[in-house]
Amino acid sequence: MIQATKIKILPDYKLLIDFNTNETKVYDFTEDLNHPIFSKLRNKVFFGKAQIASGGIIWDEDTDMAIEHLYEQGISLR
């Protein structure tokens, strides 16, 4: 099962994510911000509250992103 092990908030609505697969990827949320469910993420302070919970990425009890999506759509760095 793919899990996030570490995240870093990057400028311009991006996350640098380390996975338990020993891969690091960057995921750009810019396109996702157009979806109503992610409208809260447009607030950069709120976006900066991203955290790992049970191997996935969450912002609050109502806002999260499937780790599989982040892994599959993220751009590999190594």
C-alpha atoms as a PDB file:
ATOM      1  CA  MET A   1       0.000   0.000   0.000  1.00  0.00           C
ATOM      2  CA  ILE A   2       1.401   3.393  -1.022  1.00  0.00           C
ATOM      3  CA  GLN A   3       1.791   5.904   1.802  1.00  0.00           C
ATOM      4  CA  ALA A   4       3.243   9.363   2.213  1.00  0.00           C
ATOM      5  CA  THR A   5       6.135   9.474   4.666  1.00  0.00           C
ATOM      6  CA  LYS A   6       7.055  13.167   4.474  1.00  0.00           C
ATOM      7  CA  ILE A   7       5.655  16.293   2.831  1.00  0.00           C
ATOM      8  CA  LYS A   8       6.926  19.787   2.213  1.00  0.00           C
ATOM      9  CA  ILE A   9       4.780  22.717   1.131  1.00  0.00           C
ATOM     10  CA  LEU A  10       6.187  24.387  -1.990  1.00  0.00           C
ATOM     11  CA  PRO A  11       5.223  27.724  -3.590  1.00  0.00           C
ATOM     12  CA  ASP A  12       2.406  27.923  -6.120  1.00  0.00           C
ATOM     13  CA  TYR A  13       0.170  25.223  -4.604  1.00  0.00           C
ATOM     14  CA  LYS A  14       2.616  22.348  -4.882  1.00  0.00           C
ATOM     15  CA  LEU A  15       3.573  19.588  -2.463  1.00  0.00           C
ATOM     16  CA  LEU A  16       6.853  17.697  -2.371  1.00  0.00           C
ATOM     17  CA  ILE A  17       5.936  14.199  -1.190  1.00  0.00           C
ATOM     18  CA  ASP A  18       8.178  11.347  -0.085  1.00  0.00           C
ATOM     19  CA  PHE A  19       6.529   7.945  -0.434  1.00  0.00           C
ATOM     20  CA  ASN A  20       7.204   4.613   1.260  1.00  0.00           C
ATOM     21  CA  THR A  21       8.363   3.383  -2.166  1.00  0.00           C
ATOM     22  CA  ASN A  22      11.560   5.463  -1.751  1.00  0.00           C
ATOM     23  CA  GLU A  23      10.265   7.858  -4.421  1.00  0.00           C
ATOM     24  CA  THR A  24       9.859  11.614  -4.163  1.00  0.00           C
ATOM     25  CA  LYS A  25       7.284  13.396  -6.295  1.00  0.00           C
ATOM     26  CA  VAL A  26       5.908  16.890  -6.749  1.00  0.00           C
ATOM     27  CA  TYR A  27       2.171  17.278  -7.087  1.00  0.00           C
ATOM     28  CA  ASP A  28       0.747  20.541  -8.481  1.00  0.00           C
ATOM     29  CA  PHE A  29      -2.716  21.361  -7.099  1.00  0.00           C
ATOM     30  CA  THR A  30      -3.344  24.275  -9.487  1.00  0.00           C
ATOM     31  CA  GLU A  31      -5.894  22.379 -11.612  1.00  0.00           C
ATOM     32  CA  ASP A  32      -7.613  20.888  -8.557  1.00  0.00           C
ATOM     33  CA  LEU A  33      -8.322  24.352  -7.176  1.00  0.00           C
ATOM     34  CA  ASN A  34     -11.002  24.778  -9.868  1.00  0.00           C
ATOM     35  CA  HIS A  35     -13.109  22.010  -8.300  1.00  0.00           C
ATOM     36  CA  PRO A  36     -15.573  23.228  -5.644  1.00  0.00           C
ATOM     37  CA  ILE A  37     -14.553  20.482  -3.205  1.00  0.00           C
ATOM     38  CA  PHE A  38     -11.035  21.946  -3.055  1.00  0.00           C
ATOM     39  CA  SER A  39     -12.030  25.630  -2.934  1.00  0.00           C
ATOM     40  CA  LYS A  40     -10.640  25.979   0.622  1.00  0.00           C
ATOM     41  CA  LEU A  41      -7.186  25.108  -0.719  1.00  0.00           C
ATOM     42  CA  ARG A  42      -7.097  28.394  -2.651  1.00  0.00           C
ATOM     43  CA  ASN A  43      -6.278  30.037   0.678  1.00  0.00           C
ATOM     44  CA  LYS A  44      -2.489  29.683   0.876  1.00  0.00           C
ATOM     45  CA  VAL A  45      -2.487  29.656   4.680  1.00  0.00           C
ATOM     46  CA  PHE A  46      -4.982  26.778   4.666  1.00  0.00           C
ATOM     47  CA  PHE A  47      -3.054  24.986   1.898  1.00  0.00           C
ATOM     48  CA  GLY A  48       0.044  25.237   4.074  1.00  0.00           C
ATOM     49  CA  LYS A  49      -1.683  23.175   6.775  1.00  0.00           C
ATOM     50  CA  ALA A  50      -1.314  19.955   4.775  1.00  0.00           C
ATOM     51  CA  GLN A  51      -0.284  17.038   6.932  1.00  0.00           C
ATOM     52  CA  ILE A  52       0.124  13.295   6.796  1.00  0.00           C
ATOM     53  CA  ALA A  53      -2.589  11.197   8.424  1.00  0.00           C
ATOM     54  CA  SER A  54      -2.642   7.418   8.091  1.00  0.00           C
ATOM     55  CA  GLY A  55      -0.245   7.643   5.145  1.00  0.00           C
ATOM     56  CA  GLY A  56      -2.441  10.094   3.213  1.00  0.00           C
ATOM     57  CA  ILE A  57      -2.584  13.905   2.923  1.00  0.00           C
ATOM     58  CA  ILE A  58      -5.259  15.898   4.761  1.00  0.00           C
ATOM     59  CA  TRP A  59      -5.972  19.531   5.572  1.00  0.00           C
ATOM     60  CA  ASP A  60      -8.972  19.128   7.860  1.00  0.00           C
ATOM     61  CA  GLU A  61     -11.739  16.610   8.505  1.00  0.00           C
ATOM     62  CA  ASP A  62     -13.453  17.570   5.235  1.00  0.00           C
ATOM     63  CA  THR A  63     -10.489  18.116   2.910  1.00  0.00           C
ATOM     64  CA  ASP A  64      -8.095  15.413   1.769  1.00  0.00           C
ATOM     65  CA  MET A  65      -6.603  13.936  -1.393  1.00  0.00           C
ATOM     66  CA  ALA A  66      -6.304  10.254  -2.233  1.00  0.00           C
ATOM     67  CA  ILE A  67      -2.686   9.235  -1.858  1.00  0.00           C
ATOM     68  CA  GLU A  68      -2.949   6.975  -4.910  1.00  0.00           C
ATOM     69  CA  HIS A  69      -3.904   9.993  -7.033  1.00  0.00           C
ATOM     70  CA  LEU A  70      -1.000  12.036  -5.685  1.00  0.00           C
ATOM     71  CA  TYR A  71       1.368   9.164  -6.388  1.00  0.00           C
ATOM     72  CA  GLU A  72       0.084   8.412  -9.899  1.00  0.00           C
ATOM     73  CA  GLN A  73      -0.161  12.036 -11.027  1.00  0.00           C
ATOM     74  CA  GLY A  74       2.889  13.414  -9.214  1.00  0.00           C
ATOM     75  CA  ILE A  75       6.080  14.190 -11.112  1.00  0.00           C
ATOM     76  CA  SER A  76       8.996  11.990 -10.016  1.00  0.00           C
ATOM     77  CA  LEU A  77      12.178  13.643  -8.786  1.00  0.00           C
ATOM     78  CA  ARG A  78      14.157  10.471  -8.177  1.00  0.00           C
END
